[in-house]
Amino acid sequence: NAGPYKVWTDVYKGRTQTVPLRLMARPTIAKYVRVAEFFDVTKKGLAFFEDYFSTPYPFKKYDQLLVPNFNWGGMENIAAVTYNERVAKRGQVTKQDREHLAGLFLHEMAHMWFGDLVTMKWWNDLWLNEAFATFLSYVAQERAMKNPVTWQSFSLQKMGGYAQDRLATT
């Protein structure tokens, strides 16, 4: 079904502003979208990053769209993030699934400050933009989501990078 998207709305009440939140998915996958979890992570993430950066969320809205045939897990755009529809997992959701999803949401959200508000005109490599967003997603998971095991996941994720760094071709 490629018709109009199902739209859920909520609102984030920050220290200095209220931000409208929208979550959108095709009707054919709407029943798999864990709406409360999306909005919970979103609100906790926005509060965390506003505090961490000492800067309010810099845009007028925050939209999240689940889209088909998307190669990546997620992609931030100013005030809107697109996610691969696979984030609407069918079947039982594990603790590891939830941690991965929160990390993805928070990684893309971190870009709202570092990548969209502060742009790459200030530095010259995409890797810094992505590495910083990944690092911040783990900080946010630990502090905002109260996930104490997140640094174990972080170090496991980095093992591939360490292996690449040891190669003569690096």
N, C-alpha and C. Protein backbone atom coordinates (compact mmCIF):
# COMPACT_ATOMS: atom_id res chain seq x y z
N ASN A 1 0.85 -1.18 0.00
CA ASN A 1 0.00 0.00 0.00
C ASN A 1 0.89 1.24 0.00
N ALA A 2 0.79 2.05 -1.00
CA ALA A 2 1.61 3.26 -1.10
C ALA A 2 0.78 4.52 -0.94
N GLY A 3 -0.39 4.40 -0.36
CA GLY A 3 -1.27 5.56 -0.19
C GLY A 3 -0.82 6.45 0.95
N PRO A 4 -1.73 7.24 1.47
CA PRO A 4 -1.40 8.15 2.57
C PRO A 4 -0.83 7.40 3.78
N TYR A 5 0.13 8.00 4.41
CA TYR A 5 0.75 7.41 5.59
C TYR A 5 -0.17 7.53 6.80
N LYS A 6 -0.07 6.58 7.69
CA LYS A 6 -0.69 6.67 9.01
C LYS A 6 0.18 7.64 9.80
N VAL A 7 -0.43 8.60 10.49
CA VAL A 7 0.32 9.62 11.22
C VAL A 7 -0.10 9.61 12.69
N TRP A 8 0.90 9.51 13.57
CA TRP A 8 0.67 9.64 15.00
C TRP A 8 1.33 10.95 15.44
N THR A 9 0.73 11.63 16.40
CA THR A 9 1.28 12.90 16.86
C THR A 9 1.46 12.88 18.37
N ASP A 10 2.39 13.70 18.80
CA ASP A 10 2.65 13.92 20.22
C ASP A 10 3.33 15.27 20.32
N VAL A 11 3.79 15.61 21.49
CA VAL A 11 4.45 16.89 21.66
C VAL A 11 5.55 16.74 22.71
N TYR A 12 6.67 17.40 22.45
CA TYR A 12 7.76 17.44 23.41
C TYR A 12 7.77 18.82 24.05
N LYS A 13 7.74 18.86 25.36
CA LYS A 13 7.76 20.14 26.07
C LYS A 13 9.16 20.34 26.63
N GLY A 14 9.94 21.15 25.92
CA GLY A 14 11.30 21.46 26.34
C GLY A 14 11.34 22.60 27.32
N ARG A 15 12.54 22.98 27.68
CA ARG A 15 12.70 24.08 28.64
C ARG A 15 12.21 25.41 28.08
N THR A 16 12.41 25.63 26.77
CA THR A 16 12.09 26.94 26.21
C THR A 16 11.07 26.88 25.08
N GLN A 17 10.67 25.68 24.65
CA GLN A 17 9.72 25.59 23.55
C GLN A 17 8.98 24.26 23.59
N THR A 18 7.90 24.23 22.84
CA THR A 18 7.15 23.00 22.63
C THR A 18 7.38 22.58 21.19
N VAL A 19 7.74 21.31 20.99
CA VAL A 19 8.07 20.81 19.66
C VAL A 19 7.04 19.77 19.24
N PRO A 20 6.30 20.02 18.15
CA PRO A 20 5.38 19.00 17.65
C PRO A 20 6.16 17.78 17.13
N LEU A 21 5.68 16.60 17.49
CA LEU A 21 6.30 15.35 17.05
C LEU A 21 5.30 14.61 16.16
N ARG A 22 5.81 14.08 15.06
CA ARG A 22 4.98 13.23 14.21
C ARG A 22 5.76 11.97 13.87
N LEU A 23 5.05 10.88 13.81
CA LEU A 23 5.59 9.59 13.41
C LEU A 23 4.70 9.09 12.29
N MET A 24 5.31 8.64 11.18
CA MET A 24 4.54 8.24 10.01
C MET A 24 5.00 6.90 9.47
N ALA A 25 4.02 6.09 9.05
CA ALA A 25 4.31 4.79 8.45
C ALA A 25 3.20 4.44 7.48
N ARG A 26 3.54 3.59 6.52
CA ARG A 26 2.51 3.13 5.59
C ARG A 26 1.47 2.32 6.37
N PRO A 27 0.22 2.40 5.97
CA PRO A 27 -0.84 1.66 6.67
C PRO A 27 -0.57 0.16 6.77
N THR A 28 0.14 -0.41 5.80
CA THR A 28 0.38 -1.85 5.81
C THR A 28 1.34 -2.29 6.92
N ILE A 29 2.13 -1.39 7.46
CA ILE A 29 3.02 -1.77 8.56
C ILE A 29 2.65 -1.06 9.87
N ALA A 30 1.64 -0.23 9.85
CA ALA A 30 1.28 0.57 11.02
C ALA A 30 1.08 -0.27 12.28
N LYS A 31 0.53 -1.46 12.15
CA LYS A 31 0.26 -2.27 13.33
C LYS A 31 1.54 -2.79 14.00
N TYR A 32 2.67 -2.71 13.32
CA TYR A 32 3.95 -3.16 13.88
C TYR A 32 4.76 -2.03 14.51
N VAL A 33 4.32 -0.80 14.34
CA VAL A 33 5.05 0.35 14.86
C VAL A 33 4.77 0.49 16.35
N ARG A 34 5.82 0.49 17.14
CA ARG A 34 5.69 0.65 18.59
C ARG A 34 5.71 2.15 18.91
N VAL A 35 4.57 2.76 18.73
CA VAL A 35 4.43 4.22 18.78
C VAL A 35 4.89 4.78 20.13
N ALA A 36 4.45 4.18 21.22
CA ALA A 36 4.82 4.69 22.55
C ALA A 36 6.34 4.66 22.74
N GLU A 37 7.00 3.61 22.25
CA GLU A 37 8.45 3.52 22.37
C GLU A 37 9.15 4.59 21.53
N PHE A 38 8.67 4.81 20.30
CA PHE A 38 9.24 5.87 19.46
C PHE A 38 9.17 7.22 20.20
N PHE A 39 8.00 7.55 20.69
CA PHE A 39 7.83 8.86 21.32
C PHE A 39 8.58 8.94 22.65
N ASP A 40 8.67 7.85 23.39
CA ASP A 40 9.40 7.85 24.66
C ASP A 40 10.88 8.13 24.41
N VAL A 41 11.48 7.40 23.49
CA VAL A 41 12.90 7.61 23.17
C VAL A 41 13.11 9.02 22.62
N THR A 42 12.20 9.46 21.77
CA THR A 42 12.31 10.80 21.18
C THR A 42 12.31 11.89 22.25
N LYS A 43 11.38 11.83 23.17
CA LYS A 43 11.30 12.86 24.21
C LYS A 43 12.50 12.81 25.14
N LYS A 44 12.91 11.63 25.54
CA LYS A 44 14.09 11.51 26.41
C LYS A 44 15.34 11.99 25.68
N GLY A 45 15.43 11.67 24.39
CA GLY A 45 16.59 12.11 23.60
C GLY A 45 16.63 13.61 23.44
N LEU A 46 15.51 14.21 23.11
CA LEU A 46 15.48 15.67 22.95
C LEU A 46 15.86 16.37 24.26
N ALA A 47 15.34 15.89 25.37
CA ALA A 47 15.68 16.48 26.68
C ALA A 47 17.17 16.32 26.96
N PHE A 48 17.71 15.13 26.68
CA PHE A 48 19.12 14.89 26.93
C PHE A 48 19.99 15.82 26.09
N PHE A 49 19.75 15.88 24.77
CA PHE A 49 20.61 16.67 23.90
C PHE A 49 20.47 18.16 24.17
N GLU A 50 19.28 18.64 24.52
CA GLU A 50 19.14 20.06 24.89
C GLU A 50 20.03 20.37 26.08
N ASP A 51 20.03 19.48 27.06
CA ASP A 51 20.84 19.67 28.26
C ASP A 51 22.33 19.51 27.93
N TYR A 52 22.67 18.48 27.19
CA TYR A 52 24.07 18.18 26.88
C TYR A 52 24.74 19.31 26.10
N PHE A 53 24.03 19.84 25.12
CA PHE A 53 24.58 20.91 24.29
C PHE A 53 24.27 22.31 24.83
N SER A 54 23.47 22.39 25.89
CA SER A 54 23.03 23.68 26.43
C SER A 54 22.40 24.54 25.35
N THR A 55 21.68 23.87 24.45
CA THR A 55 21.03 24.54 23.32
C THR A 55 19.70 23.86 23.06
N PRO A 56 18.61 24.63 23.01
CA PRO A 56 17.31 24.01 22.72
C PRO A 56 17.32 23.32 21.35
N TYR A 57 16.41 22.38 21.18
CA TYR A 57 16.24 21.75 19.88
C TYR A 57 16.11 22.87 18.84
N PRO A 58 16.91 22.86 17.78
CA PRO A 58 17.01 24.03 16.91
C PRO A 58 15.96 24.20 15.82
N PHE A 59 14.97 23.30 15.74
CA PHE A 59 14.01 23.39 14.65
C PHE A 59 12.58 23.41 15.20
N LYS A 60 11.61 23.67 14.34
CA LYS A 60 10.23 23.90 14.77
C LYS A 60 9.40 22.62 14.94
N LYS A 61 9.90 21.48 14.43
CA LYS A 61 9.16 20.22 14.52
C LYS A 61 10.16 19.08 14.49
N TYR A 62 9.67 17.88 14.81
CA TYR A 62 10.52 16.68 14.71
C TYR A 62 9.66 15.57 14.14
N ASP A 63 9.90 15.22 12.89
CA ASP A 63 9.15 14.17 12.21
C ASP A 63 10.02 12.92 12.09
N GLN A 64 9.37 11.77 12.15
CA GLN A 64 10.05 10.49 11.92
C GLN A 64 9.19 9.69 10.95
N LEU A 65 9.80 9.23 9.87
CA LEU A 65 9.07 8.52 8.82
C LEU A 65 9.70 7.15 8.60
N LEU A 66 8.88 6.13 8.54
CA LEU A 66 9.33 4.80 8.17
C LEU A 66 9.06 4.64 6.69
N VAL A 67 10.13 4.39 5.93
CA VAL A 67 10.00 4.37 4.47
C VAL A 67 10.48 3.04 3.90
N PRO A 68 9.87 2.59 2.81
CA PRO A 68 10.29 1.33 2.18
C PRO A 68 11.53 1.52 1.32
N ASN A 69 12.22 0.42 1.07
CA ASN A 69 13.35 0.39 0.14
C ASN A 69 14.42 1.43 0.47
N PHE A 70 14.72 1.55 1.72
CA PHE A 70 15.71 2.51 2.20
C PHE A 70 16.95 1.71 2.59
N ASN A 71 18.11 2.06 2.04
CA ASN A 71 19.32 1.26 2.23
C ASN A 71 19.89 1.30 3.64
N TRP A 72 19.75 2.39 4.33
CA TRP A 72 20.37 2.56 5.64
C TRP A 72 19.34 2.34 6.74
N GLY A 73 19.81 2.30 7.97
CA GLY A 73 18.90 2.20 9.11
C GLY A 73 18.12 3.49 9.28
N GLY A 74 18.81 4.63 9.11
CA GLY A 74 18.16 5.92 9.26
C GLY A 74 18.97 7.01 8.59
N MET A 75 18.32 8.12 8.35
CA MET A 75 18.98 9.29 7.75
C MET A 75 18.32 10.55 8.27
N GLU A 76 19.13 11.41 8.87
CA GLU A 76 18.57 12.65 9.38
C GLU A 76 18.50 13.68 8.28
N ASN A 77 17.47 14.45 8.32
CA ASN A 77 17.30 15.65 7.52
C ASN A 77 16.88 16.71 8.53
N ILE A 78 17.02 17.95 8.20
CA ILE A 78 16.63 18.97 9.17
C ILE A 78 15.17 18.77 9.55
N ALA A 79 14.94 18.55 10.84
CA ALA A 79 13.62 18.40 11.46
C ALA A 79 12.86 17.14 11.04
N ALA A 80 13.52 16.22 10.34
CA ALA A 80 12.85 14.98 9.93
C ALA A 80 13.88 13.87 9.77
N VAL A 81 13.53 12.70 10.27
CA VAL A 81 14.40 11.53 10.14
C VAL A 81 13.63 10.45 9.40
N THR A 82 14.27 9.86 8.41
CA THR A 82 13.68 8.71 7.73
C THR A 82 14.37 7.45 8.24
N TYR A 83 13.56 6.41 8.45
CA TYR A 83 14.07 5.11 8.90
C TYR A 83 13.63 4.04 7.92
N ASN A 84 14.45 3.02 7.81
CA ASN A 84 14.05 1.85 7.05
C ASN A 84 12.86 1.22 7.77
N GLU A 85 11.91 0.74 7.01
CA GLU A 85 10.71 0.13 7.61
C GLU A 85 11.04 -1.06 8.52
N ARG A 86 12.23 -1.61 8.40
CA ARG A 86 12.60 -2.74 9.26
C ARG A 86 12.60 -2.38 10.73
N VAL A 87 12.60 -1.08 11.08
CA VAL A 87 12.54 -0.71 12.50
C VAL A 87 11.19 -1.08 13.10
N ALA A 88 10.19 -1.32 12.26
CA ALA A 88 8.88 -1.79 12.73
C ALA A 88 8.93 -3.32 12.71
N LYS A 89 9.62 -3.87 13.70
CA LYS A 89 9.88 -5.30 13.73
C LYS A 89 8.59 -6.09 13.98
N ARG A 90 8.43 -7.10 13.16
CA ARG A 90 7.31 -8.02 13.34
C ARG A 90 7.76 -9.10 14.30
N GLY A 91 6.89 -9.53 15.17
CA GLY A 91 7.26 -10.58 16.12
C GLY A 91 7.79 -10.02 17.42
N GLN A 92 8.35 -10.92 18.21
CA GLN A 92 8.83 -10.54 19.54
C GLN A 92 10.04 -9.61 19.45
N VAL A 93 10.04 -8.60 20.31
CA VAL A 93 11.12 -7.62 20.35
C VAL A 93 11.97 -7.92 21.59
N THR A 94 13.28 -8.07 21.37
CA THR A 94 14.19 -8.38 22.47
C THR A 94 14.77 -7.11 23.09
N LYS A 95 15.43 -7.27 24.22
CA LYS A 95 16.12 -6.15 24.85
C LYS A 95 17.20 -5.61 23.91
N GLN A 96 17.88 -6.51 23.22
CA GLN A 96 18.91 -6.10 22.25
C GLN A 96 18.29 -5.30 21.10
N ASP A 97 17.10 -5.72 20.63
CA ASP A 97 16.40 -4.97 19.59
C ASP A 97 16.10 -3.55 20.06
N ARG A 98 15.64 -3.43 21.31
CA ARG A 98 15.29 -2.12 21.85
C ARG A 98 16.53 -1.23 21.98
N GLU A 99 17.64 -1.82 22.42
CA GLU A 99 18.88 -1.06 22.56
C GLU A 99 19.35 -0.59 21.18
N HIS A 100 19.30 -1.46 20.19
CA HIS A 100 19.71 -1.09 18.83
C HIS A 100 18.83 0.03 18.30
N LEU A 101 17.52 -0.09 18.51
CA LEU A 101 16.59 0.92 18.02
C LEU A 101 16.82 2.26 18.70
N ALA A 102 17.00 2.26 20.02
CA ALA A 102 17.27 3.51 20.74
C ALA A 102 18.56 4.13 20.23
N GLY A 103 19.57 3.29 19.99
CA GLY A 103 20.83 3.81 19.47
C GLY A 103 20.67 4.47 18.11
N LEU A 104 19.89 3.83 17.24
CA LEU A 104 19.62 4.39 15.92
C LEU A 104 18.87 5.72 16.04
N PHE A 105 17.82 5.74 16.84
CA PHE A 105 17.02 6.97 17.01
C PHE A 105 17.91 8.10 17.54
N LEU A 106 18.71 7.80 18.56
CA LEU A 106 19.53 8.83 19.20
C LEU A 106 20.70 9.27 18.31
N HIS A 107 21.23 8.36 17.52
CA HIS A 107 22.28 8.73 16.56
C HIS A 107 21.75 9.77 15.58
N GLU A 108 20.59 9.47 14.99
CA GLU A 108 20.03 10.41 14.01
C GLU A 108 19.63 11.72 14.67
N MET A 109 19.13 11.65 15.89
CA MET A 109 18.75 12.87 16.61
C MET A 109 19.98 13.72 16.93
N ALA A 110 21.10 13.10 17.28
CA ALA A 110 22.32 13.85 17.59
C ALA A 110 22.72 14.73 16.40
N HIS A 111 22.45 14.25 15.19
CA HIS A 111 22.78 15.04 14.00
C HIS A 111 22.00 16.35 13.93
N MET A 112 20.88 16.45 14.61
CA MET A 112 20.13 17.72 14.58
C MET A 112 20.99 18.85 15.12
N TRP A 113 21.84 18.54 16.10
CA TRP A 113 22.75 19.53 16.64
C TRP A 113 24.09 19.48 15.92
N PHE A 114 24.63 18.28 15.73
CA PHE A 114 25.96 18.12 15.16
C PHE A 114 25.82 17.51 13.77
N GLY A 115 25.72 18.37 12.79
CA GLY A 115 25.54 17.94 11.41
C GLY A 115 24.52 18.81 10.70
N ASP A 116 23.50 19.26 11.44
CA ASP A 116 22.47 20.12 10.84
C ASP A 116 22.56 21.54 11.38
N LEU A 117 22.59 21.70 12.70
CA LEU A 117 22.76 23.04 13.28
C LEU A 117 24.21 23.50 13.06
N VAL A 118 25.15 22.68 13.47
CA VAL A 118 26.57 22.89 13.19
C VAL A 118 26.87 22.01 12.00
N THR A 119 27.26 22.59 10.90
CA THR A 119 27.38 21.83 9.65
C THR A 119 28.83 21.45 9.35
N MET A 120 28.99 20.65 8.31
CA MET A 120 30.31 20.18 7.93
C MET A 120 31.19 21.27 7.30
N LYS A 121 30.69 22.47 7.20
CA LYS A 121 31.57 23.56 6.78
C LYS A 121 32.63 23.80 7.85
N TRP A 122 32.39 23.29 9.06
CA TRP A 122 33.30 23.49 10.17
C TRP A 122 34.38 22.42 10.24
N TRP A 123 34.25 21.32 9.51
CA TRP A 123 35.25 20.26 9.46
C TRP A 123 35.17 19.62 8.09
N ASN A 124 36.12 18.75 7.75
CA ASN A 124 36.20 18.33 6.35
C ASN A 124 35.97 16.84 6.10
N ASP A 125 35.52 16.08 7.07
CA ASP A 125 35.31 14.66 6.83
C ASP A 125 33.99 14.17 7.41
N LEU A 126 33.29 13.39 6.62
CA LEU A 126 32.02 12.81 7.05
C LEU A 126 32.20 11.87 8.23
N TRP A 127 33.36 11.20 8.31
CA TRP A 127 33.57 10.24 9.40
C TRP A 127 33.42 10.90 10.76
N LEU A 128 33.87 12.15 10.89
CA LEU A 128 33.75 12.85 12.17
C LEU A 128 32.29 13.07 12.53
N ASN A 129 31.50 13.48 11.56
CA ASN A 129 30.08 13.69 11.74
C ASN A 129 29.41 12.40 12.25
N GLU A 130 29.70 11.30 11.58
CA GLU A 130 29.09 10.01 11.93
C GLU A 130 29.64 9.45 13.24
N ALA A 131 30.94 9.55 13.44
CA ALA A 131 31.53 9.02 14.66
C ALA A 131 31.03 9.77 15.89
N PHE A 132 30.91 11.08 15.77
CA PHE A 132 30.43 11.86 16.91
C PHE A 132 28.98 11.53 17.21
N ALA A 133 28.15 11.38 16.19
CA ALA A 133 26.74 11.02 16.41
C ALA A 133 26.63 9.64 17.05
N THR A 134 27.47 8.71 16.63
CA THR A 134 27.46 7.38 17.23
C THR A 134 27.88 7.45 18.69
N PHE A 135 28.97 8.16 18.96
CA PHE A 135 29.42 8.31 20.35
C PHE A 135 28.32 8.94 21.21
N LEU A 136 27.72 10.01 20.71
CA LEU A 136 26.67 10.69 21.47
C LEU A 136 25.44 9.80 21.68
N SER A 137 25.15 8.93 20.73
CA SER A 137 24.00 8.03 20.91
C SER A 137 24.24 7.10 22.09
N TYR A 138 25.48 6.68 22.30
CA TYR A 138 25.78 5.82 23.44
C TYR A 138 25.74 6.59 24.75
N VAL A 139 26.24 7.82 24.75
CA VAL A 139 26.16 8.66 25.94
C VAL A 139 24.69 8.87 26.30
N ALA A 140 23.87 9.17 25.31
CA ALA A 140 22.44 9.40 25.55
C ALA A 140 21.74 8.12 26.02
N GLN A 141 22.11 6.98 25.45
CA GLN A 141 21.50 5.73 25.92
C GLN A 141 21.82 5.48 27.39
N GLU A 142 23.06 5.72 27.77
CA GLU A 142 23.44 5.50 29.15
C GLU A 142 22.72 6.46 30.09
N ARG A 143 22.70 7.73 29.73
CA ARG A 143 22.18 8.75 30.65
C ARG A 143 20.67 8.95 30.54
N ALA A 144 20.14 9.06 29.33
CA ALA A 144 18.71 9.34 29.17
C ALA A 144 17.87 8.09 29.26
N MET A 145 18.39 6.99 28.72
CA MET A 145 17.62 5.74 28.70
C MET A 145 17.99 4.85 29.88
N LYS A 146 18.96 5.28 30.69
CA LYS A 146 19.39 4.52 31.88
C LYS A 146 19.82 3.10 31.52
N ASN A 147 20.62 2.98 30.46
CA ASN A 147 21.08 1.68 29.99
C ASN A 147 22.56 1.52 30.37
N PRO A 148 22.86 0.80 31.46
CA PRO A 148 24.24 0.71 31.92
C PRO A 148 25.14 -0.19 31.06
N VAL A 149 24.59 -1.04 30.21
CA VAL A 149 25.43 -1.96 29.42
C VAL A 149 25.78 -1.38 28.05
N THR A 150 25.39 -0.17 27.79
CA THR A 150 25.58 0.39 26.46
C THR A 150 27.04 0.49 26.06
N TRP A 151 27.96 0.70 26.99
CA TRP A 151 29.37 0.83 26.63
C TRP A 151 29.97 -0.50 26.21
N GLN A 152 29.42 -1.61 26.69
CA GLN A 152 29.85 -2.92 26.19
C GLN A 152 29.51 -3.03 24.70
N SER A 153 28.32 -2.61 24.35
CA SER A 153 27.91 -2.63 22.94
C SER A 153 28.79 -1.70 22.11
N PHE A 154 29.10 -0.53 22.66
CA PHE A 154 29.95 0.43 21.96
C PHE A 154 31.30 -0.19 21.62
N SER A 155 31.94 -0.82 22.62
CA SER A 155 33.27 -1.37 22.36
C SER A 155 33.20 -2.54 21.39
N LEU A 156 32.14 -3.33 21.44
CA LEU A 156 32.00 -4.41 20.47
C LEU A 156 31.84 -3.87 19.05
N GLN A 157 31.08 -2.79 18.91
CA GLN A 157 30.88 -2.18 17.60
C GLN A 157 32.20 -1.64 17.05
N LYS A 158 33.06 -1.15 17.91
CA LYS A 158 34.30 -0.53 17.47
C LYS A 158 35.38 -1.55 17.11
N MET A 159 35.22 -2.81 17.47
CA MET A 159 36.24 -3.83 17.19
C MET A 159 36.58 -3.91 15.70
N GLY A 160 35.57 -3.81 14.85
CA GLY A 160 35.82 -3.83 13.41
C GLY A 160 36.69 -2.68 12.96
N GLY A 161 36.47 -1.50 13.54
CA GLY A 161 37.29 -0.34 13.22
C GLY A 161 38.72 -0.51 13.68
N TYR A 162 38.89 -1.08 14.87
CA TYR A 162 40.24 -1.32 15.37
C TYR A 162 40.98 -2.30 14.47
N ALA A 163 40.30 -3.34 14.00
CA ALA A 163 40.92 -4.32 13.11
C ALA A 163 41.34 -3.64 11.80
N GLN A 164 40.48 -2.77 11.26
CA GLN A 164 40.83 -2.05 10.03
C GLN A 164 42.03 -1.13 10.25
N ASP A 165 42.11 -0.49 11.40
CA ASP A 165 43.22 0.41 11.68
C ASP A 165 44.56 -0.30 11.69
N ARG A 166 44.57 -1.59 12.02
CA ARG A 166 45.82 -2.35 12.09
C ARG A 166 46.31 -2.81 10.72
N LEU A 167 45.49 -2.68 9.71
CA LEU A 167 45.89 -3.15 8.38
C LEU A 167 46.90 -2.21 7.72
N ALA A 168 47.76 -2.78 6.92
CA ALA A 168 48.75 -1.98 6.19
C ALA A 168 48.08 -1.05 5.18
N THR A 169 46.88 -1.39 4.76
CA THR A 169 46.17 -0.59 3.76
C THR A 169 45.47 0.63 4.34
N THR A 170 45.46 0.75 5.66
CA THR A 170 44.77 1.88 6.27
C THR A 170 45.60 3.14 6.16
